[in-house]
Amino acid sequence: MEKVLVLLLLALAVAYAVPDPRGLIFNLEEGELCLNSAQCESKCCHRDTGLSLARCAPKSRESSECSAFSFYGIYYKCPCERGLTCEADKTIVGSITNTNFGVCLDAGRSRE
């Protein structure tokens, strides 16, 4: 048991000695594999299909497709950039199946 504790403390010391621990678990850059959006700098963990690997991706820009919210933390379409809103038909079934897609629009611009 003492040996395990010493190895654990040694591993923690090495982890803290790394000058830039970016990308080990959090603050992942675009293109890096992720399991949840909280791991990505952009806060968007994106996958193309249900069988593809999820990777960090940039948030959606104005007039591009977006997802309103995902319970799972992985998106088929990334949420909008700051200052934009995702205008989508939000349904409970769409939230569960991750298919509440819409378009990013400027929240401050008046709709005519």
PDB file of N, CA and C in Angstrom:
ATOM      1  N   MET A   1       0.820  -1.193   0.000  1.00  0.00           N
ATOM      2  CA  MET A   1       0.000   0.000   0.000  1.00  0.00           C
ATOM      3  C   MET A   1       0.864   1.258   0.000  1.00  0.00           C
ATOM      4  N   GLU A   2       1.954   1.224   0.745  1.00  0.00           N
ATOM      5  CA  GLU A   2       2.852   2.380   0.795  1.00  0.00           C
ATOM      6  C   GLU A   2       3.485   2.640  -0.568  1.00  0.00           C
ATOM      7  N   LYS A   3       3.803   1.569  -1.299  1.00  0.00           N
ATOM      8  CA  LYS A   3       4.408   1.716  -2.624  1.00  0.00           C
ATOM      9  C   LYS A   3       3.428   2.385  -3.596  1.00  0.00           C
ATOM     10  N   VAL A   4       2.175   2.010  -3.507  1.00  0.00           N
ATOM     11  CA  VAL A   4       1.151   2.613  -4.367  1.00  0.00           C
ATOM     12  C   VAL A   4       1.012   4.095  -4.054  1.00  0.00           C
ATOM     13  N   LEU A   5       1.016   4.437  -2.783  1.00  0.00           N
ATOM     14  CA  LEU A   5       0.904   5.835  -2.379  1.00  0.00           C
ATOM     15  C   LEU A   5       2.100   6.647  -2.875  1.00  0.00           C
ATOM     16  N   VAL A   6       3.288   6.077  -2.774  1.00  0.00           N
ATOM     17  CA  VAL A   6       4.500   6.760  -3.254  1.00  0.00           C
ATOM     18  C   VAL A   6       4.429   6.958  -4.763  1.00  0.00           C
ATOM     19  N   LEU A   7       3.988   5.933  -5.501  1.00  0.00           N
ATOM     20  CA  LEU A   7       3.856   6.061  -6.957  1.00  0.00           C
ATOM     21  C   LEU A   7       2.818   7.117  -7.334  1.00  0.00           C
ATOM     22  N   LEU A   8       1.726   7.167  -6.600  1.00  0.00           N
ATOM     23  CA  LEU A   8       0.697   8.179  -6.856  1.00  0.00           C
ATOM     24  C   LEU A   8       1.234   9.584  -6.619  1.00  0.00           C
ATOM     25  N   LEU A   9       1.929   9.776  -5.523  1.00  0.00           N
ATOM     26  CA  LEU A   9       2.517  11.088  -5.230  1.00  0.00           C
ATOM     27  C   LEU A   9       3.568  11.465  -6.271  1.00  0.00           C
ATOM     28  N   LEU A  10       4.348  10.498  -6.730  1.00  0.00           N
ATOM     29  CA  LEU A  10       5.341  10.753  -7.763  1.00  0.00           C
ATOM     30  C   LEU A  10       4.670  11.167  -9.075  1.00  0.00           C
ATOM     31  N   ALA A  11       3.581  10.483  -9.429  1.00  0.00           N
ATOM     32  CA  ALA A  11       2.846  10.828 -10.646  1.00  0.00           C
ATOM     33  C   ALA A  11       2.263  12.232 -10.554  1.00  0.00           C
ATOM     34  N   LEU A  12       1.729  12.598  -9.401  1.00  0.00           N
ATOM     35  CA  LEU A  12       1.194  13.951  -9.216  1.00  0.00           C
ATOM     36  C   LEU A  12       2.292  15.005  -9.298  1.00  0.00           C
ATOM     37  N   ALA A  13       3.452  14.697  -8.752  1.00  0.00           N
ATOM     38  CA  ALA A  13       4.572  15.639  -8.814  1.00  0.00           C
ATOM     39  C   ALA A  13       5.001  15.863 -10.256  1.00  0.00           C
ATOM     40  N   VAL A  14       5.036  14.810 -11.047  1.00  0.00           N
ATOM     41  CA  VAL A  14       5.410  14.937 -12.462  1.00  0.00           C
ATOM     42  C   VAL A  14       4.361  15.747 -13.209  1.00  0.00           C
ATOM     43  N   ALA A  15       3.078  15.502 -12.917  1.00  0.00           N
ATOM     44  CA  ALA A  15       2.001  16.237 -13.591  1.00  0.00           C
ATOM     45  C   ALA A  15       2.075  17.729 -13.281  1.00  0.00           C
ATOM     46  N   TYR A  16       2.394  18.089 -12.038  1.00  0.00           N
ATOM     47  CA  TYR A  16       2.508  19.499 -11.679  1.00  0.00           C
ATOM     48  C   TYR A  16       3.788  20.122 -12.221  1.00  0.00           C
ATOM     49  N   ALA A  17       4.790  19.317 -12.522  1.00  0.00           N
ATOM     50  CA  ALA A  17       6.056  19.848 -13.028  1.00  0.00           C
ATOM     51  C   ALA A  17       5.988  20.182 -14.509  1.00  0.00           C
ATOM     52  N   VAL A  18       4.993  19.654 -15.216  1.00  0.00           N
ATOM     53  CA  VAL A  18       4.851  19.934 -16.641  1.00  0.00           C
ATOM     54  C   VAL A  18       4.579  21.425 -16.806  1.00  0.00           C
ATOM     55  N   PRO A  19       5.355  22.122 -17.649  1.00  0.00           N
ATOM     56  CA  PRO A  19       5.193  23.573 -17.765  1.00  0.00           C
ATOM     57  C   PRO A  19       3.830  24.007 -18.307  1.00  0.00           C
ATOM     58  N   ASP A  20       3.272  23.261 -19.260  1.00  0.00           N
ATOM     59  CA  ASP A  20       1.983  23.626 -19.835  1.00  0.00           C
ATOM     60  C   ASP A  20       1.102  22.392 -19.883  1.00  0.00           C
ATOM     61  N   PRO A  21       0.288  22.170 -18.856  1.00  0.00           N
ATOM     62  CA  PRO A  21      -0.523  20.961 -18.823  1.00  0.00           C
ATOM     63  C   PRO A  21      -1.731  21.023 -19.747  1.00  0.00           C
ATOM     64  N   ARG A  22      -1.810  22.022 -20.614  1.00  0.00           N
ATOM     65  CA  ARG A  22      -2.918  22.160 -21.543  1.00  0.00           C
ATOM     66  C   ARG A  22      -3.078  20.882 -22.373  1.00  0.00           C
ATOM     67  N   GLY A  23      -4.310  20.458 -22.517  1.00  0.00           N
ATOM     68  CA  GLY A  23      -4.589  19.350 -23.394  1.00  0.00           C
ATOM     69  C   GLY A  23      -4.530  17.983 -22.748  1.00  0.00           C
ATOM     70  N   LEU A  24      -4.249  17.901 -21.474  1.00  0.00           N
ATOM     71  CA  LEU A  24      -4.268  16.597 -20.836  1.00  0.00           C
ATOM     72  C   LEU A  24      -5.701  16.126 -20.645  1.00  0.00           C
ATOM     73  N   ILE A  25      -6.534  16.974 -20.082  1.00  0.00           N
ATOM     74  CA  ILE A  25      -7.941  16.644 -19.872  1.00  0.00           C
ATOM     75  C   ILE A  25      -8.830  17.819 -20.275  1.00  0.00           C
ATOM     76  N   PHE A  26      -8.428  19.040 -19.925  1.00  0.00           N
ATOM     77  CA  PHE A  26      -9.223  20.233 -20.219  1.00  0.00           C
ATOM     78  C   PHE A  26      -8.432  21.180 -21.118  1.00  0.00           C
ATOM     79  N   ASN A  27      -9.102  22.232 -21.589  1.00  0.00           N
ATOM     80  CA  ASN A  27      -8.518  23.238 -22.481  1.00  0.00           C
ATOM     81  C   ASN A  27      -7.977  22.615 -23.759  1.00  0.00           C
ATOM     82  N   LEU A  28      -8.718  21.644 -24.295  1.00  0.00           N
ATOM     83  CA  LEU A  28      -8.309  21.005 -25.535  1.00  0.00           C
ATOM     84  C   LEU A  28      -8.518  21.955 -26.706  1.00  0.00           C
ATOM     85  N   GLU A  29      -7.614  21.919 -27.664  1.00  0.00           N
ATOM     86  CA  GLU A  29      -7.709  22.783 -28.832  1.00  0.00           C
ATOM     87  C   GLU A  29      -8.567  22.134 -29.910  1.00  0.00           C
ATOM     88  N   GLU A  30      -8.899  22.914 -30.933  1.00  0.00           N
ATOM     89  CA  GLU A  30      -9.713  22.412 -32.039  1.00  0.00           C
ATOM     90  C   GLU A  30      -9.040  21.207 -32.681  1.00  0.00           C
ATOM     91  N   GLY A  31      -9.840  20.178 -32.947  1.00  0.00           N
ATOM     92  CA  GLY A  31      -9.345  18.980 -33.598  1.00  0.00           C
ATOM     93  C   GLY A  31      -8.930  17.871 -32.648  1.00  0.00           C
ATOM     94  N   GLU A  32      -8.792  18.178 -31.366  1.00  0.00           N
ATOM     95  CA  GLU A  32      -8.402  17.152 -30.405  1.00  0.00           C
ATOM     96  C   GLU A  32      -9.626  16.352 -29.956  1.00  0.00           C
ATOM     97  N   LEU A  33      -9.423  15.054 -29.696  1.00  0.00           N
ATOM     98  CA  LEU A  33     -10.506  14.181 -29.264  1.00  0.00           C
ATOM     99  C   LEU A  33     -11.049  14.618 -27.911  1.00  0.00           C
ATOM    100  N   CYS A  34     -12.366  14.517 -27.744  1.00  0.00           N
ATOM    101  CA  CYS A  34     -12.995  14.927 -26.485  1.00  0.00           C
ATOM    102  C   CYS A  34     -14.140  13.987 -26.150  1.00  0.00           C
ATOM    103  N   LEU A  35     -14.551  14.018 -24.904  1.00  0.00           N
ATOM    104  CA  LEU A  35     -15.694  13.242 -24.435  1.00  0.00           C
ATOM    105  C   LEU A  35     -16.857  14.131 -24.031  1.00  0.00           C
ATOM    106  N   ASN A  36     -16.571  15.424 -23.814  1.00  0.00           N
ATOM    107  CA  ASN A  36     -17.592  16.362 -23.367  1.00  0.00           C
ATOM    108  C   ASN A  36     -17.150  17.776 -23.743  1.00  0.00           C
ATOM    109  N   SER A  37     -18.104  18.649 -23.972  1.00  0.00           N
ATOM    110  CA  SER A  37     -17.795  20.019 -24.371  1.00  0.00           C
ATOM    111  C   SER A  37     -17.029  20.799 -23.310  1.00  0.00           C
ATOM    112  N   ALA A  38     -17.165  20.416 -22.047  1.00  0.00           N
ATOM    113  CA  ALA A  38     -16.444  21.107 -20.976  1.00  0.00           C
ATOM    114  C   ALA A  38     -14.935  20.958 -21.116  1.00  0.00           C
ATOM    115  N   GLN A  39     -14.476  19.958 -21.859  1.00  0.00           N
ATOM    116  CA  GLN A  39     -13.049  19.748 -22.043  1.00  0.00           C
ATOM    117  C   GLN A  39     -12.439  20.711 -23.065  1.00  0.00           C
ATOM    118  N   CYS A  40     -13.233  21.248 -23.954  1.00  0.00           N
ATOM    119  CA  CYS A  40     -12.737  22.054 -25.077  1.00  0.00           C
ATOM    120  C   CYS A  40     -12.641  23.525 -24.719  1.00  0.00           C
ATOM    121  N   GLU A  41     -11.620  24.197 -25.257  1.00  0.00           N
ATOM    122  CA  GLU A  41     -11.508  25.653 -25.081  1.00  0.00           C
ATOM    123  C   GLU A  41     -12.731  26.346 -25.654  1.00  0.00           C
ATOM    124  N   SER A  42     -13.232  25.856 -26.792  1.00  0.00           N
ATOM    125  CA  SER A  42     -14.379  26.469 -27.454  1.00  0.00           C
ATOM    126  C   SER A  42     -15.712  26.078 -26.817  1.00  0.00           C
ATOM    127  N   LYS A  43     -15.686  25.107 -25.918  1.00  0.00           N
ATOM    128  CA  LYS A  43     -16.882  24.570 -25.266  1.00  0.00           C
ATOM    129  C   LYS A  43     -17.819  23.889 -26.265  1.00  0.00           C
ATOM    130  N   CYS A  44     -17.238  23.280 -27.326  1.00  0.00           N
ATOM    131  CA  CYS A  44     -18.019  22.513 -28.290  1.00  0.00           C
ATOM    132  C   CYS A  44     -17.282  21.236 -28.655  1.00  0.00           C
ATOM    133  N   CYS A  45     -17.806  20.117 -28.190  1.00  0.00           N
ATOM    134  CA  CYS A  45     -17.307  18.799 -28.565  1.00  0.00           C
ATOM    135  C   CYS A  45     -18.251  18.303 -29.658  1.00  0.00           C
ATOM    136  N   HIS A  46     -17.748  18.153 -30.883  1.00  0.00           N
ATOM    137  CA  HIS A  46     -18.572  17.941 -32.071  1.00  0.00           C
ATOM    138  C   HIS A  46     -18.284  16.585 -32.706  1.00  0.00           C
ATOM    139  N   ARG A  47     -19.351  15.940 -33.195  1.00  0.00           N
ATOM    140  CA  ARG A  47     -19.185  14.720 -33.989  1.00  0.00           C
ATOM    141  C   ARG A  47     -20.081  14.814 -35.214  1.00  0.00           C
ATOM    142  N   ASP A  48     -19.657  14.179 -36.308  1.00  0.00           N
ATOM    143  CA  ASP A  48     -20.434  14.229 -37.545  1.00  0.00           C
ATOM    144  C   ASP A  48     -21.599  13.250 -37.535  1.00  0.00           C
ATOM    145  N   THR A  49     -21.344  12.035 -37.050  1.00  0.00           N
ATOM    146  CA  THR A  49     -22.373  11.006 -37.002  1.00  0.00           C
ATOM    147  C   THR A  49     -22.341  10.341 -35.631  1.00  0.00           C
ATOM    148  N   GLY A  50     -23.311   9.496 -35.359  1.00  0.00           N
ATOM    149  CA  GLY A  50     -23.363   8.792 -34.091  1.00  0.00           C
ATOM    150  C   GLY A  50     -22.218   7.817 -33.888  1.00  0.00           C
ATOM    151  N   LEU A  51     -21.557   7.408 -34.977  1.00  0.00           N
ATOM    152  CA  LEU A  51     -20.456   6.449 -34.886  1.00  0.00           C
ATOM    153  C   LEU A  51     -19.077   7.083 -35.000  1.00  0.00           C
ATOM    154  N   SER A  52     -19.029   8.384 -35.283  1.00  0.00           N
ATOM    155  CA  SER A  52     -17.731   9.049 -35.439  1.00  0.00           C
ATOM    156  C   SER A  52     -17.176   9.489 -34.088  1.00  0.00           C
ATOM    157  N   LEU A  53     -15.869   9.726 -34.059  1.00  0.00           N
ATOM    158  CA  LEU A  53     -15.220  10.222 -32.848  1.00  0.00           C
ATOM    159  C   LEU A  53     -15.502  11.708 -32.692  1.00  0.00           C
ATOM    160  N   ALA A  54     -15.697  12.139 -31.471  1.00  0.00           N
ATOM    161  CA  ALA A  54     -15.971  13.551 -31.198  1.00  0.00           C
ATOM    162  C   ALA A  54     -14.662  14.314 -31.056  1.00  0.00           C
ATOM    163  N   ARG A  55     -14.624  15.503 -31.621  1.00  0.00           N
ATOM    164  CA  ARG A  55     -13.448  16.366 -31.562  1.00  0.00           C
ATOM    165  C   ARG A  55     -13.882  17.790 -31.220  1.00  0.00           C
ATOM    166  N   CYS A  56     -12.982  18.528 -30.601  1.00  0.00           N
ATOM    167  CA  CYS A  56     -13.262  19.931 -30.292  1.00  0.00           C
ATOM    168  C   CYS A  56     -13.377  20.718 -31.591  1.00  0.00           C
ATOM    169  N   ALA A  57     -14.357  21.605 -31.645  1.00  0.00           N
ATOM    170  CA  ALA A  57     -14.607  22.397 -32.854  1.00  0.00           C
ATOM    171  C   ALA A  57     -14.981  23.814 -32.450  1.00  0.00           C
ATOM    172  N   PRO A  58     -14.812  24.778 -33.375  1.00  0.00           N
ATOM    173  CA  PRO A  58     -15.206  26.162 -33.056  1.00  0.00           C
ATOM    174  C   PRO A  58     -16.721  26.284 -32.997  1.00  0.00           C
ATOM    175  N   LYS A  59     -17.186  27.269 -32.242  1.00  0.00           N
ATOM    176  CA  LYS A  59     -18.623  27.519 -32.159  1.00  0.00           C
ATOM    177  C   LYS A  59     -19.130  28.032 -33.503  1.00  0.00           C
ATOM    178  N   SER A  60     -20.426  27.870 -33.729  1.00  0.00           N
ATOM    179  CA  SER A  60     -21.041  28.261 -34.989  1.00  0.00           C
ATOM    180  C   SER A  60     -21.101  29.780 -35.122  1.00  0.00           C
ATOM    181  N   ARG A  61     -20.896  30.256 -36.343  1.00  0.00           N
ATOM    182  CA  ARG A  61     -20.938  31.687 -36.647  1.00  0.00           C
ATOM    183  C   ARG A  61     -22.323  32.103 -37.095  1.00  0.00           C
ATOM    184  N   GLU A  62     -22.504  33.395 -37.278  1.00  0.00           N
ATOM    185  CA  GLU A  62     -23.793  33.926 -37.700  1.00  0.00           C
ATOM    186  C   GLU A  62     -24.226  33.306 -39.028  1.00  0.00           C
ATOM    187  N   SER A  63     -25.490  32.949 -39.123  1.00  0.00           N
ATOM    188  CA  SER A  63     -26.129  32.361 -40.298  1.00  0.00           C
ATOM    189  C   SER A  63     -25.712  30.914 -40.562  1.00  0.00           C
ATOM    190  N   SER A  64     -25.023  30.287 -39.648  1.00  0.00           N
ATOM    191  CA  SER A  64     -24.668  28.874 -39.830  1.00  0.00           C
ATOM    192  C   SER A  64     -25.522  28.010 -38.916  1.00  0.00           C
ATOM    193  N   GLU A  65     -25.561  26.714 -39.202  1.00  0.00           N
ATOM    194  CA  GLU A  65     -26.383  25.802 -38.415  1.00  0.00           C
ATOM    195  C   GLU A  65     -25.836  25.648 -37.003  1.00  0.00           C
ATOM    196  N   CYS A  66     -26.750  25.407 -36.054  1.00  0.00           N
ATOM    197  CA  CYS A  66     -26.355  25.291 -34.652  1.00  0.00           C
ATOM    198  C   CYS A  66     -27.279  24.333 -33.926  1.00  0.00           C
ATOM    199  N   SER A  67     -26.846  23.926 -32.746  1.00  0.00           N
ATOM    200  CA  SER A  67     -27.677  23.156 -31.827  1.00  0.00           C
ATOM    201  C   SER A  67     -28.003  24.050 -30.650  1.00  0.00           C
ATOM    202  N   ALA A  68     -29.220  23.942 -30.168  1.00  0.00           N
ATOM    203  CA  ALA A  68     -29.636  24.778 -29.042  1.00  0.00           C
ATOM    204  C   ALA A  68     -28.977  24.325 -27.744  1.00  0.00           C
ATOM    205  N   PHE A  69     -29.047  23.035 -27.426  1.00  0.00           N
ATOM    206  CA  PHE A  69     -28.500  22.519 -26.173  1.00  0.00           C
ATOM    207  C   PHE A  69     -28.408  21.004 -26.290  1.00  0.00           C
ATOM    208  N   SER A  70     -27.426  20.416 -25.639  1.00  0.00           N
ATOM    209  CA  SER A  70     -27.291  18.968 -25.628  1.00  0.00           C
ATOM    210  C   SER A  70     -27.137  18.477 -24.196  1.00  0.00           C
ATOM    211  N   PHE A  71     -27.976  17.542 -23.801  1.00  0.00           N
ATOM    212  CA  PHE A  71     -27.855  16.942 -22.472  1.00  0.00           C
ATOM    213  C   PHE A  71     -26.532  16.199 -22.328  1.00  0.00           C
ATOM    214  N   TYR A  72     -26.036  15.670 -23.438  1.00  0.00           N
ATOM    215  CA  TYR A  72     -24.880  14.783 -23.408  1.00  0.00           C
ATOM    216  C   TYR A  72     -23.545  15.504 -23.455  1.00  0.00           C
ATOM    217  N   GLY A  73     -23.535  16.781 -23.844  1.00  0.00           N
ATOM    218  CA  GLY A  73     -22.289  17.533 -23.927  1.00  0.00           C
ATOM    219  C   GLY A  73     -21.543  17.313 -25.223  1.00  0.00           C
ATOM    220  N   ILE A  74     -22.160  16.595 -26.171  1.00  0.00           N
ATOM    221  CA  ILE A  74     -21.572  16.386 -27.494  1.00  0.00           C
ATOM    222  C   ILE A  74     -22.602  16.845 -28.518  1.00  0.00           C
ATOM    223  N   TYR A  75     -22.154  17.594 -29.499  1.00  0.00           N
ATOM    224  CA  TYR A  75     -23.066  18.209 -30.466  1.00  0.00           C
ATOM    225  C   TYR A  75     -22.835  17.679 -31.882  1.00  0.00           C
ATOM    226  N   TYR A  76     -23.923  17.620 -32.663  1.00  0.00           N
ATOM    227  CA  TYR A  76     -23.815  17.367 -34.097  1.00  0.00           C
ATOM    228  C   TYR A  76     -23.625  18.698 -34.829  1.00  0.00           C
ATOM    229  N   LYS A  77     -24.129  19.760 -34.262  1.00  0.00           N
ATOM    230  CA  LYS A  77     -23.902  21.138 -34.724  1.00  0.00           C
ATOM    231  C   LYS A  77     -23.518  21.937 -33.488  1.00  0.00           C
ATOM    232  N   CYS A  78     -22.444  22.689 -33.549  1.00  0.00           N
ATOM    233  CA  CYS A  78     -21.972  23.424 -32.371  1.00  0.00           C
ATOM    234  C   CYS A  78     -22.932  24.551 -32.002  1.00  0.00           C
ATOM    235  N   PRO A  79     -22.960  24.941 -30.724  1.00  0.00           N
ATOM    236  CA  PRO A  79     -23.753  26.105 -30.322  1.00  0.00           C
ATOM    237  C   PRO A  79     -23.157  27.385 -30.916  1.00  0.00           C
ATOM    238  N   CYS A  80     -23.898  28.460 -30.821  1.00  0.00           N
ATOM    239  CA  CYS A  80     -23.479  29.736 -31.421  1.00  0.00           C
ATOM    240  C   CYS A  80     -22.375  30.423 -30.628  1.00  0.00           C
ATOM    241  N   GLU A  81     -21.646  31.294 -31.342  1.00  0.00           N
ATOM    242  CA  GLU A  81     -20.649  32.143 -30.690  1.00  0.00           C
ATOM    243  C   GLU A  81     -21.349  33.110 -29.745  1.00  0.00           C
ATOM    244  N   ARG A  82     -20.565  33.739 -28.883  1.00  0.00           N
ATOM    245  CA  ARG A  82     -21.102  34.712 -27.932  1.00  0.00           C
ATOM    246  C   ARG A  82     -21.793  35.854 -28.681  1.00  0.00           C
ATOM    247  N   GLY A  83     -22.951  36.262 -28.183  1.00  0.00           N
ATOM    248  CA  GLY A  83     -23.712  37.350 -28.791  1.00  0.00           C
ATOM    249  C   GLY A  83     -24.719  36.882 -29.823  1.00  0.00           C
ATOM    250  N   LEU A  84     -24.688  35.602 -30.172  1.00  0.00           N
ATOM    251  CA  LEU A  84     -25.633  35.051 -31.134  1.00  0.00           C
ATOM    252  C   LEU A  84     -26.570  34.086 -30.415  1.00  0.00           C
ATOM    253  N   THR A  85     -27.762  33.924 -30.966  1.00  0.00           N
ATOM    254  CA  THR A  85     -28.704  32.951 -30.415  1.00  0.00           C
ATOM    255  C   THR A  85     -29.050  31.928 -31.479  1.00  0.00           C
ATOM    256  N   CYS A  86     -29.321  30.719 -31.034  1.00  0.00           N
ATOM    257  CA  CYS A  86     -29.685  29.643 -31.944  1.00  0.00           C
ATOM    258  C   CYS A  86     -31.207  29.604 -32.059  1.00  0.00           C
ATOM    259  N   GLU A  87     -31.719  30.074 -33.176  1.00  0.00           N
ATOM    260  CA  GLU A  87     -33.155  30.083 -33.429  1.00  0.00           C
ATOM    261  C   GLU A  87     -33.543  28.716 -33.961  1.00  0.00           C
ATOM    262  N   ALA A  88     -34.102  27.880 -33.070  1.00  0.00           N
ATOM    263  CA  ALA A  88     -34.463  26.513 -33.438  1.00  0.00           C
ATOM    264  C   ALA A  88     -35.807  26.159 -32.831  1.00  0.00           C
ATOM    265  N   ASP A  89     -36.477  25.193 -33.439  1.00  0.00           N
ATOM    266  CA  ASP A  89     -37.685  24.635 -32.847  1.00  0.00           C
ATOM    267  C   ASP A  89     -37.224  23.663 -31.775  1.00  0.00           C
ATOM    268  N   LYS A  90     -37.396  24.040 -30.522  1.00  0.00           N
ATOM    269  CA  LYS A  90     -36.925  23.221 -29.409  1.00  0.00           C
ATOM    270  C   LYS A  90     -38.035  22.291 -28.941  1.00  0.00           C
ATOM    271  N   THR A  91     -37.749  20.992 -28.980  1.00  0.00           N
ATOM    272  CA  THR A  91     -38.693  20.000 -28.501  1.00  0.00           C
ATOM    273  C   THR A  91     -37.992  19.077 -27.512  1.00  0.00           C
ATOM    274  N   ILE A  92     -38.776  18.411 -26.706  1.00  0.00           N
ATOM    275  CA  ILE A  92     -38.196  17.468 -25.746  1.00  0.00           C
ATOM    276  C   ILE A  92     -37.545  16.305 -26.482  1.00  0.00           C
ATOM    277  N   VAL A  93     -38.220  15.790 -27.501  1.00  0.00           N
ATOM    278  CA  VAL A  93     -37.664  14.683 -28.277  1.00  0.00           C
ATOM    279  C   VAL A  93     -36.370  15.130 -28.961  1.00  0.00           C
ATOM    280  N   GLY A  94     -36.357  16.331 -29.497  1.00  0.00           N
ATOM    281  CA  GLY A  94     -35.146  16.853 -30.132  1.00  0.00           C
ATOM    282  C   GLY A  94     -34.007  17.019 -29.151  1.00  0.00           C
ATOM    283  N   SER A  95     -34.315  17.378 -27.905  1.00  0.00           N
ATOM    284  CA  SER A  95     -33.276  17.497 -26.876  1.00  0.00           C
ATOM    285  C   SER A  95     -32.693  16.137 -26.534  1.00  0.00           C
ATOM    286  N   ILE A  96     -33.538  15.122 -26.472  1.00  0.00           N
ATOM    287  CA  ILE A  96     -33.066  13.774 -26.140  1.00  0.00           C
ATOM    288  C   ILE A  96     -32.263  13.185 -27.294  1.00  0.00           C
ATOM    289  N   THR A  97     -32.729  13.382 -28.522  1.00  0.00           N
ATOM    290  CA  THR A  97     -32.043  12.804 -29.683  1.00  0.00           C
ATOM    291  C   THR A  97     -30.982  13.724 -30.258  1.00  0.00           C
ATOM    292  N   ASN A  98     -30.793  14.900 -29.654  1.00  0.00           N
ATOM    293  CA  ASN A  98     -29.776  15.854 -30.080  1.00  0.00           C
ATOM    294  C   ASN A  98     -30.013  16.327 -31.511  1.00  0.00           C
ATOM    295  N   THR A  99     -31.277  16.623 -31.849  1.00  0.00           N
ATOM    296  CA  THR A  99     -31.608  17.069 -33.196  1.00  0.00           C
ATOM    297  C   THR A  99     -32.321  18.419 -33.212  1.00  0.00           C
ATOM    298  N   ASN A 100     -32.179  19.210 -32.183  1.00  0.00           N
ATOM    299  CA  ASN A 100     -32.750  20.557 -32.159  1.00  0.00           C
ATOM    300  C   ASN A 100     -31.817  21.507 -32.915  1.00  0.00           C
ATOM    301  N   PHE A 101     -31.827  21.438 -34.237  1.00  0.00           N
ATOM    302  CA  PHE A 101     -30.938  22.274 -35.039  1.00  0.00           C
ATOM    303  C   PHE A 101     -31.644  23.562 -35.428  1.00  0.00           C
ATOM    304  N   GLY A 102     -30.858  24.614 -35.581  1.00  0.00           N
ATOM    305  CA  GLY A 102     -31.392  25.896 -35.993  1.00  0.00           C
ATOM    306  C   GLY A 102     -30.324  26.691 -36.710  1.00  0.00           C
ATOM    307  N   VAL A 103     -30.480  28.013 -36.689  1.00  0.00           N
ATOM    308  CA  VAL A 103     -29.546  28.928 -37.350  1.00  0.00           C
ATOM    309  C   VAL A 103     -29.127  29.996 -36.348  1.00  0.00           C
ATOM    310  N   CYS A 104     -27.849  30.325 -36.332  1.00  0.00           N
ATOM    311  CA  CYS A 104     -27.338  31.366 -35.438  1.00  0.00           C
ATOM    312  C   CYS A 104     -27.732  32.744 -35.962  1.00  0.00           C
ATOM    313  N   LEU A 105     -28.351  33.526 -35.099  1.00  0.00           N
ATOM    314  CA  LEU A 105     -28.753  34.890 -35.455  1.00  0.00           C
ATOM    315  C   LEU A 105     -28.248  35.848 -34.407  1.00  0.00           C
ATOM    316  N   ASP A 106     -28.012  37.083 -34.821  1.00  0.00           N
ATOM    317  CA  ASP A 106     -27.543  38.112 -33.907  1.00  0.00           C
ATOM    318  C   ASP A 106     -28.673  38.481 -32.955  1.00  0.00           C
ATOM    319  N   ALA A 107     -28.446  38.336 -31.667  1.00  0.00           N
ATOM    320  CA  ALA A 107     -29.487  38.603 -30.667  1.00  0.00           C
ATOM    321  C   ALA A 107     -29.863  40.069 -30.611  1.00  0.00           C
ATOM    322  N   GLY A 108     -28.949  40.986 -30.925  1.00  0.00           N
ATOM    323  CA  GLY A 108     -29.197  42.416 -30.823  1.00  0.00           C
ATOM    324  C   GLY A 108     -29.851  43.012 -32.051  1.00  0.00           C
ATOM    325  N   ARG A 109     -29.785  42.321 -33.163  1.00  0.00           N
ATOM    326  CA  ARG A 109     -30.341  42.839 -34.413  1.00  0.00           C
ATOM    327  C   ARG A 109     -31.852  42.642 -34.426  1.00  0.00           C
ATOM    328  N   SER A 110     -32.590  43.654 -34.795  1.00  0.00           N
ATOM    329  CA  SER A 110     -34.057  43.543 -34.827  1.00  0.00           C
ATOM    330  C   SER A 110     -34.486  42.691 -36.018  1.00  0.00           C
ATOM    331  N   ARG A 111     -35.536  41.903 -35.801  1.00  0.00           N
ATOM    332  CA  ARG A 111     -36.049  41.036 -36.856  1.00  0.00           C
ATOM    333  C   ARG A 111     -37.210  41.747 -37.539  1.00  0.00           C
ATOM    334  N   GLU A 112     -37.047  41.938 -38.831  1.00  0.00           N
ATOM    335  CA  GLU A 112     -38.093  42.652 -39.568  1.00  0.00           C
ATOM    336  C   GLU A 112     -38.833  41.730 -40.481  1.00  0.00           C
TER     337      GLU A 112
END
